[in-house]
Amino acid sequence: MALAADIFPDITFRLALAADPVAVRTGLARIVASGPFAALSADHRATAEIVLAEVLNNIAEHAYSSGPGDILIQLAAIPAGLECQIADRGREMPGGSPPDGVLPQEDLPEGGFGWYLIRSLTRGLTYQRKDGQNLLHFVIPA
């Protein structure tokens, strides 16, 4: 799937980072300072930061739990918001698809809300495993 930024390269941001907590934190700071983020309102920037932090931390924690790896991020400012494409070569999502994102009914000591947030704050979320890569695509509405 072509990202809008492939057609309009002046509104794109691309970043490769290591899938570890420090690199994710540093990468997220670079993402927030990028051009596509500047096109969003302050509220939408906060939402986008939450979503991207959840996605990137999930990849670092789960897809690469058995060893190092890289995450590739591509963002584009589009009229509908922020288009995001995230790729990694970590483990495939269990069952070949992202979790449902149903709000957990029981108290959890940590976690359990990430996919609920991701799914409720994005539109058009798709996932596929292609050529040994996990490809996640979504739009964070503006």
N, C-alpha and C. Protein backbone atom coordinates (compact mmCIF):
# COMPACT_ATOMS: atom_id res chain seq x y z
N MET A 1 0.85 -1.17 0.00
CA MET A 1 0.00 0.00 0.00
C MET A 1 0.90 1.24 0.00
N ALA A 2 0.69 2.10 -0.95
CA ALA A 2 1.48 3.31 -1.04
C ALA A 2 0.98 4.33 -0.02
N LEU A 3 1.90 4.94 0.64
CA LEU A 3 1.57 6.00 1.58
C LEU A 3 1.41 7.30 0.79
N ALA A 4 0.53 8.17 1.24
CA ALA A 4 0.33 9.45 0.55
C ALA A 4 1.65 10.17 0.35
N ALA A 5 2.56 10.02 1.29
CA ALA A 5 3.84 10.70 1.20
C ALA A 5 4.69 10.19 0.04
N ASP A 6 4.42 8.97 -0.44
CA ASP A 6 5.15 8.48 -1.61
C ASP A 6 4.81 9.33 -2.83
N ILE A 7 3.61 9.90 -2.83
CA ILE A 7 3.18 10.75 -3.94
C ILE A 7 3.59 12.20 -3.68
N PHE A 8 3.54 12.61 -2.42
CA PHE A 8 3.89 13.98 -2.01
C PHE A 8 5.04 13.93 -1.01
N PRO A 9 6.30 13.76 -1.48
CA PRO A 9 7.42 13.55 -0.57
C PRO A 9 7.72 14.73 0.36
N ASP A 10 7.20 15.91 0.09
CA ASP A 10 7.50 17.05 0.95
C ASP A 10 6.71 17.02 2.26
N ILE A 11 5.75 16.12 2.39
CA ILE A 11 4.97 16.04 3.62
C ILE A 11 5.24 14.75 4.38
N THR A 12 6.40 14.18 4.15
CA THR A 12 6.70 12.88 4.76
C THR A 12 7.83 12.96 5.76
N PHE A 13 7.85 11.97 6.62
CA PHE A 13 8.93 11.80 7.58
C PHE A 13 9.21 10.31 7.66
N ARG A 14 10.47 9.94 7.55
CA ARG A 14 10.87 8.54 7.66
C ARG A 14 11.95 8.42 8.72
N LEU A 15 11.86 7.33 9.48
CA LEU A 15 12.83 7.11 10.55
C LEU A 15 13.00 5.62 10.78
N ALA A 16 14.24 5.19 10.92
CA ALA A 16 14.56 3.82 11.33
C ALA A 16 15.18 3.91 12.71
N LEU A 17 14.73 3.04 13.60
CA LEU A 17 15.30 3.05 14.95
C LEU A 17 15.36 1.64 15.50
N ALA A 18 16.25 1.46 16.46
CA ALA A 18 16.39 0.16 17.13
C ALA A 18 15.17 -0.07 18.01
N ALA A 19 14.78 -1.33 18.12
CA ALA A 19 13.59 -1.69 18.90
C ALA A 19 13.97 -1.93 20.35
N ASP A 20 14.35 -0.85 21.03
CA ASP A 20 14.61 -0.93 22.47
C ASP A 20 14.04 0.33 23.12
N PRO A 21 13.75 0.27 24.41
CA PRO A 21 13.06 1.40 25.06
C PRO A 21 13.75 2.76 24.92
N VAL A 22 15.06 2.80 25.01
CA VAL A 22 15.76 4.08 24.90
C VAL A 22 15.66 4.63 23.48
N ALA A 23 15.88 3.78 22.48
CA ALA A 23 15.79 4.23 21.09
C ALA A 23 14.36 4.64 20.74
N VAL A 24 13.38 3.92 21.28
CA VAL A 24 11.98 4.29 21.03
C VAL A 24 11.69 5.66 21.61
N ARG A 25 12.15 5.92 22.82
CA ARG A 25 11.92 7.22 23.46
C ARG A 25 12.59 8.34 22.66
N THR A 26 13.83 8.12 22.25
CA THR A 26 14.57 9.10 21.46
C THR A 26 13.91 9.30 20.09
N GLY A 27 13.51 8.19 19.47
CA GLY A 27 12.84 8.26 18.17
C GLY A 27 11.52 8.99 18.24
N LEU A 28 10.79 8.75 19.32
CA LEU A 28 9.51 9.43 19.49
C LEU A 28 9.70 10.94 19.60
N ALA A 29 10.77 11.37 20.27
CA ALA A 29 11.07 12.80 20.36
C ALA A 29 11.35 13.37 18.96
N ARG A 30 12.07 12.63 18.13
CA ARG A 30 12.33 13.08 16.76
C ARG A 30 11.06 13.13 15.94
N ILE A 31 10.18 12.14 16.14
CA ILE A 31 8.91 12.10 15.41
C ILE A 31 8.06 13.32 15.77
N VAL A 32 7.97 13.61 17.06
CA VAL A 32 7.14 14.73 17.53
C VAL A 32 7.66 16.06 16.98
N ALA A 33 8.96 16.14 16.71
CA ALA A 33 9.54 17.37 16.17
C ALA A 33 9.48 17.42 14.63
N SER A 34 8.90 16.40 14.01
CA SER A 34 8.90 16.31 12.55
C SER A 34 7.83 17.19 11.90
N GLY A 35 8.00 17.41 10.62
CA GLY A 35 7.07 18.22 9.84
C GLY A 35 5.63 17.74 9.86
N PRO A 36 5.38 16.43 9.66
CA PRO A 36 3.98 15.98 9.68
C PRO A 36 3.28 16.28 11.00
N PHE A 37 4.01 16.24 12.11
CA PHE A 37 3.39 16.56 13.40
C PHE A 37 3.02 18.03 13.48
N ALA A 38 3.80 18.89 12.86
CA ALA A 38 3.53 20.33 12.90
C ALA A 38 2.20 20.67 12.24
N ALA A 39 1.73 19.80 11.36
CA ALA A 39 0.46 20.05 10.67
C ALA A 39 -0.76 19.75 11.55
N LEU A 40 -0.53 19.16 12.72
CA LEU A 40 -1.63 18.78 13.62
C LEU A 40 -1.84 19.83 14.70
N SER A 41 -3.06 19.89 15.22
CA SER A 41 -3.33 20.76 16.37
C SER A 41 -2.64 20.16 17.60
N ALA A 42 -2.54 20.94 18.66
CA ALA A 42 -1.90 20.45 19.88
C ALA A 42 -2.58 19.20 20.41
N ASP A 43 -3.91 19.18 20.42
CA ASP A 43 -4.65 18.00 20.90
C ASP A 43 -4.36 16.78 20.03
N HIS A 44 -4.33 16.97 18.73
CA HIS A 44 -4.08 15.85 17.82
C HIS A 44 -2.63 15.38 17.90
N ARG A 45 -1.70 16.29 18.17
CA ARG A 45 -0.31 15.89 18.37
C ARG A 45 -0.20 15.00 19.61
N ALA A 46 -0.91 15.36 20.68
CA ALA A 46 -0.88 14.55 21.90
C ALA A 46 -1.45 13.16 21.63
N THR A 47 -2.55 13.10 20.89
CA THR A 47 -3.15 11.80 20.54
C THR A 47 -2.19 10.98 19.70
N ALA A 48 -1.59 11.59 18.70
CA ALA A 48 -0.65 10.89 17.84
C ALA A 48 0.55 10.37 18.63
N GLU A 49 1.03 11.15 19.56
CA GLU A 49 2.17 10.72 20.38
C GLU A 49 1.80 9.50 21.22
N ILE A 50 0.62 9.49 21.80
CA ILE A 50 0.15 8.34 22.59
C ILE A 50 0.08 7.09 21.71
N VAL A 51 -0.55 7.22 20.55
CA VAL A 51 -0.70 6.07 19.65
C VAL A 51 0.66 5.54 19.22
N LEU A 52 1.53 6.42 18.76
CA LEU A 52 2.84 5.97 18.29
C LEU A 52 3.68 5.38 19.42
N ALA A 53 3.61 5.94 20.61
CA ALA A 53 4.33 5.37 21.74
C ALA A 53 3.84 3.96 22.03
N GLU A 54 2.53 3.75 22.01
CA GLU A 54 1.97 2.41 22.24
C GLU A 54 2.45 1.43 21.17
N VAL A 55 2.35 1.83 19.91
CA VAL A 55 2.74 0.93 18.81
C VAL A 55 4.22 0.59 18.90
N LEU A 56 5.07 1.60 19.03
CA LEU A 56 6.51 1.36 19.04
C LEU A 56 6.95 0.56 20.26
N ASN A 57 6.38 0.85 21.42
CA ASN A 57 6.73 0.07 22.61
C ASN A 57 6.25 -1.37 22.51
N ASN A 58 5.07 -1.58 21.90
CA ASN A 58 4.59 -2.96 21.68
C ASN A 58 5.55 -3.73 20.79
N ILE A 59 6.04 -3.09 19.74
CA ILE A 59 6.98 -3.77 18.84
C ILE A 59 8.25 -4.12 19.60
N ALA A 60 8.80 -3.16 20.33
CA ALA A 60 10.03 -3.42 21.08
C ALA A 60 9.84 -4.52 22.11
N GLU A 61 8.71 -4.51 22.80
CA GLU A 61 8.48 -5.46 23.88
C GLU A 61 8.05 -6.84 23.39
N HIS A 62 7.23 -6.91 22.36
CA HIS A 62 6.66 -8.18 21.95
C HIS A 62 7.26 -8.75 20.66
N ALA A 63 7.35 -7.95 19.61
CA ALA A 63 7.86 -8.48 18.34
C ALA A 63 9.33 -8.86 18.45
N TYR A 64 10.07 -8.10 19.23
CA TYR A 64 11.51 -8.35 19.38
C TYR A 64 11.87 -8.80 20.80
N SER A 65 10.98 -9.51 21.46
CA SER A 65 11.26 -9.94 22.84
C SER A 65 12.44 -10.91 22.93
N SER A 66 12.76 -11.58 21.83
CA SER A 66 13.85 -12.55 21.88
C SER A 66 15.17 -12.02 21.32
N GLY A 67 15.22 -10.75 20.94
CA GLY A 67 16.48 -10.22 20.43
C GLY A 67 16.30 -8.87 19.77
N PRO A 68 17.43 -8.29 19.34
CA PRO A 68 17.39 -6.94 18.75
C PRO A 68 16.76 -6.92 17.36
N GLY A 69 16.36 -5.73 16.97
CA GLY A 69 15.79 -5.53 15.65
C GLY A 69 15.54 -4.06 15.40
N ASP A 70 15.02 -3.77 14.24
CA ASP A 70 14.77 -2.39 13.85
C ASP A 70 13.30 -2.15 13.56
N ILE A 71 12.90 -0.90 13.70
CA ILE A 71 11.55 -0.47 13.37
C ILE A 71 11.68 0.64 12.33
N LEU A 72 10.87 0.57 11.29
CA LEU A 72 10.85 1.61 10.26
C LEU A 72 9.52 2.33 10.36
N ILE A 73 9.58 3.66 10.42
CA ILE A 73 8.38 4.48 10.58
C ILE A 73 8.30 5.44 9.42
N GLN A 74 7.12 5.56 8.83
CA GLN A 74 6.88 6.56 7.79
C GLN A 74 5.58 7.27 8.13
N LEU A 75 5.64 8.59 8.16
CA LEU A 75 4.48 9.41 8.49
C LEU A 75 4.23 10.40 7.36
N ALA A 76 2.96 10.74 7.16
CA ALA A 76 2.61 11.74 6.16
C ALA A 76 1.44 12.57 6.68
N ALA A 77 1.54 13.88 6.53
CA ALA A 77 0.42 14.77 6.83
C ALA A 77 -0.53 14.69 5.64
N ILE A 78 -1.77 14.34 5.91
CA ILE A 78 -2.80 14.26 4.88
C ILE A 78 -4.00 15.07 5.36
N PRO A 79 -4.92 15.42 4.49
CA PRO A 79 -6.07 16.22 4.94
C PRO A 79 -6.84 15.59 6.10
N ALA A 80 -6.90 14.25 6.14
CA ALA A 80 -7.65 13.57 7.20
C ALA A 80 -6.89 13.47 8.51
N GLY A 81 -5.59 13.78 8.52
CA GLY A 81 -4.81 13.69 9.76
C GLY A 81 -3.38 13.28 9.50
N LEU A 82 -2.92 12.27 10.24
CA LEU A 82 -1.55 11.78 10.14
C LEU A 82 -1.59 10.32 9.71
N GLU A 83 -1.08 10.07 8.51
CA GLU A 83 -1.04 8.71 8.00
C GLU A 83 0.26 8.07 8.49
N CYS A 84 0.16 6.85 9.02
CA CYS A 84 1.30 6.17 9.63
C CYS A 84 1.48 4.78 9.05
N GLN A 85 2.71 4.46 8.73
CA GLN A 85 3.04 3.10 8.31
C GLN A 85 4.26 2.68 9.12
N ILE A 86 4.13 1.56 9.82
CA ILE A 86 5.19 1.05 10.69
C ILE A 86 5.55 -0.35 10.22
N ALA A 87 6.84 -0.62 10.07
CA ALA A 87 7.30 -1.93 9.62
C ALA A 87 8.38 -2.45 10.56
N ASP A 88 8.36 -3.76 10.78
CA ASP A 88 9.41 -4.41 11.56
C ASP A 88 9.55 -5.85 11.08
N ARG A 89 10.66 -6.48 11.45
CA ARG A 89 10.91 -7.87 11.08
C ARG A 89 10.88 -8.77 12.30
N GLY A 90 10.16 -8.35 13.32
CA GLY A 90 10.01 -9.16 14.53
C GLY A 90 9.01 -10.27 14.33
N ARG A 91 8.63 -10.87 15.45
CA ARG A 91 7.65 -11.96 15.41
C ARG A 91 6.31 -11.47 14.89
N GLU A 92 5.62 -12.36 14.18
CA GLU A 92 4.29 -12.06 13.67
C GLU A 92 3.32 -11.90 14.85
N MET A 93 2.31 -11.08 14.67
CA MET A 93 1.29 -10.93 15.70
C MET A 93 0.58 -12.26 15.89
N PRO A 94 0.28 -12.60 17.15
CA PRO A 94 -0.42 -13.86 17.41
C PRO A 94 -1.73 -13.94 16.62
N GLY A 95 -1.93 -15.06 15.97
CA GLY A 95 -3.14 -15.23 15.17
C GLY A 95 -3.11 -14.47 13.86
N GLY A 96 -2.00 -13.81 13.55
CA GLY A 96 -1.88 -13.10 12.29
C GLY A 96 -2.64 -11.79 12.21
N SER A 97 -3.09 -11.27 13.36
CA SER A 97 -3.79 -9.99 13.35
C SER A 97 -3.61 -9.29 14.69
N PRO A 98 -3.78 -7.96 14.70
CA PRO A 98 -3.65 -7.22 15.96
C PRO A 98 -4.76 -7.63 16.93
N PRO A 99 -4.51 -7.49 18.23
CA PRO A 99 -5.56 -7.77 19.20
C PRO A 99 -6.81 -6.93 18.95
N ASP A 100 -7.95 -7.42 19.39
CA ASP A 100 -9.23 -6.75 19.17
C ASP A 100 -9.27 -5.34 19.73
N GLY A 101 -8.60 -5.11 20.82
CA GLY A 101 -8.63 -3.78 21.42
C GLY A 101 -9.86 -3.55 22.26
N VAL A 102 -10.39 -4.62 22.84
CA VAL A 102 -11.54 -4.51 23.72
C VAL A 102 -11.05 -4.02 25.08
N LEU A 103 -11.75 -3.07 25.65
CA LEU A 103 -11.37 -2.54 26.95
C LEU A 103 -11.44 -3.65 27.98
N PRO A 104 -10.31 -3.94 28.68
CA PRO A 104 -10.31 -5.01 29.69
C PRO A 104 -11.31 -4.71 30.81
N GLN A 105 -12.00 -5.76 31.25
CA GLN A 105 -13.00 -5.61 32.30
C GLN A 105 -12.43 -5.82 33.69
N GLU A 106 -11.27 -6.43 33.77
CA GLU A 106 -10.66 -6.66 35.07
C GLU A 106 -9.49 -5.69 35.28
N ASP A 107 -9.12 -5.52 36.52
CA ASP A 107 -7.97 -4.66 36.83
C ASP A 107 -6.70 -5.39 36.43
N LEU A 108 -5.87 -4.72 35.67
CA LEU A 108 -4.60 -5.30 35.26
C LEU A 108 -3.48 -4.49 35.89
N PRO A 109 -2.43 -5.15 36.41
CA PRO A 109 -1.35 -4.41 37.04
C PRO A 109 -0.62 -3.50 36.07
N GLU A 110 -0.48 -3.93 34.82
CA GLU A 110 0.18 -3.13 33.79
C GLU A 110 -0.30 -3.61 32.44
N GLY A 111 -0.51 -2.70 31.56
CA GLY A 111 -0.86 -3.07 30.19
C GLY A 111 -2.32 -3.45 30.04
N GLY A 112 -2.62 -3.96 28.84
CA GLY A 112 -3.97 -4.37 28.54
C GLY A 112 -4.80 -3.29 27.88
N PHE A 113 -4.34 -2.06 27.94
CA PHE A 113 -5.12 -0.96 27.37
C PHE A 113 -4.53 -0.45 26.06
N GLY A 114 -3.33 -0.90 25.71
CA GLY A 114 -2.63 -0.38 24.53
C GLY A 114 -3.41 -0.53 23.25
N TRP A 115 -3.87 -1.73 22.94
CA TRP A 115 -4.60 -1.93 21.69
C TRP A 115 -5.97 -1.29 21.73
N TYR A 116 -6.55 -1.18 22.91
CA TYR A 116 -7.81 -0.43 23.02
C TYR A 116 -7.58 1.03 22.61
N LEU A 117 -6.50 1.63 23.14
CA LEU A 117 -6.17 3.02 22.78
C LEU A 117 -5.87 3.15 21.29
N ILE A 118 -5.03 2.25 20.78
CA ILE A 118 -4.63 2.32 19.38
C ILE A 118 -5.86 2.25 18.48
N ARG A 119 -6.70 1.27 18.74
CA ARG A 119 -7.89 1.09 17.88
C ARG A 119 -8.90 2.22 18.03
N SER A 120 -9.05 2.74 19.23
CA SER A 120 -10.06 3.79 19.43
C SER A 120 -9.58 5.16 18.94
N LEU A 121 -8.27 5.36 18.81
CA LEU A 121 -7.74 6.66 18.40
C LEU A 121 -7.28 6.72 16.95
N THR A 122 -7.42 5.60 16.21
CA THR A 122 -7.01 5.57 14.81
C THR A 122 -8.18 5.17 13.91
N ARG A 123 -7.97 5.34 12.62
CA ARG A 123 -8.95 4.91 11.61
C ARG A 123 -8.21 4.10 10.55
N GLY A 124 -8.91 3.15 9.95
CA GLY A 124 -8.35 2.40 8.84
C GLY A 124 -7.17 1.53 9.19
N LEU A 125 -7.12 1.02 10.40
CA LEU A 125 -5.98 0.20 10.84
C LEU A 125 -5.95 -1.11 10.07
N THR A 126 -4.81 -1.38 9.45
CA THR A 126 -4.59 -2.66 8.77
C THR A 126 -3.26 -3.24 9.20
N TYR A 127 -3.19 -4.56 9.17
CA TYR A 127 -1.95 -5.28 9.49
C TYR A 127 -1.79 -6.40 8.48
N GLN A 128 -0.56 -6.57 8.05
CA GLN A 128 -0.26 -7.74 7.23
C GLN A 128 1.17 -8.18 7.48
N ARG A 129 1.38 -9.45 7.29
CA ARG A 129 2.72 -10.03 7.37
C ARG A 129 3.11 -10.32 5.94
N LYS A 130 4.16 -9.67 5.46
CA LYS A 130 4.56 -9.82 4.07
C LYS A 130 6.08 -9.91 3.97
N ASP A 131 6.57 -10.95 3.34
CA ASP A 131 8.01 -11.14 3.14
C ASP A 131 8.79 -11.03 4.45
N GLY A 132 8.27 -11.63 5.52
CA GLY A 132 8.96 -11.63 6.80
C GLY A 132 8.86 -10.32 7.56
N GLN A 133 7.99 -9.44 7.12
CA GLN A 133 7.83 -8.12 7.75
C GLN A 133 6.42 -7.95 8.27
N ASN A 134 6.31 -7.32 9.43
CA ASN A 134 5.03 -6.87 9.94
C ASN A 134 4.80 -5.47 9.40
N LEU A 135 3.64 -5.24 8.80
CA LEU A 135 3.30 -3.93 8.25
C LEU A 135 2.01 -3.45 8.90
N LEU A 136 2.09 -2.36 9.62
CA LEU A 136 0.93 -1.78 10.28
C LEU A 136 0.67 -0.42 9.66
N HIS A 137 -0.57 -0.17 9.27
CA HIS A 137 -0.92 1.07 8.61
C HIS A 137 -2.19 1.62 9.26
N PHE A 138 -2.22 2.93 9.53
CA PHE A 138 -3.40 3.55 10.14
C PHE A 138 -3.32 5.06 9.94
N VAL A 139 -4.44 5.72 10.21
CA VAL A 139 -4.51 7.17 10.17
C VAL A 139 -4.95 7.65 11.55
N ILE A 140 -4.27 8.65 12.06
CA ILE A 140 -4.67 9.32 13.29
C ILE A 140 -5.44 10.56 12.84
N PRO A 141 -6.76 10.57 13.05
CA PRO A 141 -7.59 11.66 12.51
C PRO A 141 -7.24 13.03 13.10
N ALA A 142 -7.39 14.02 12.25
CA ALA A 142 -7.16 15.42 12.70
C ALA A 142 -8.48 16.07 13.01
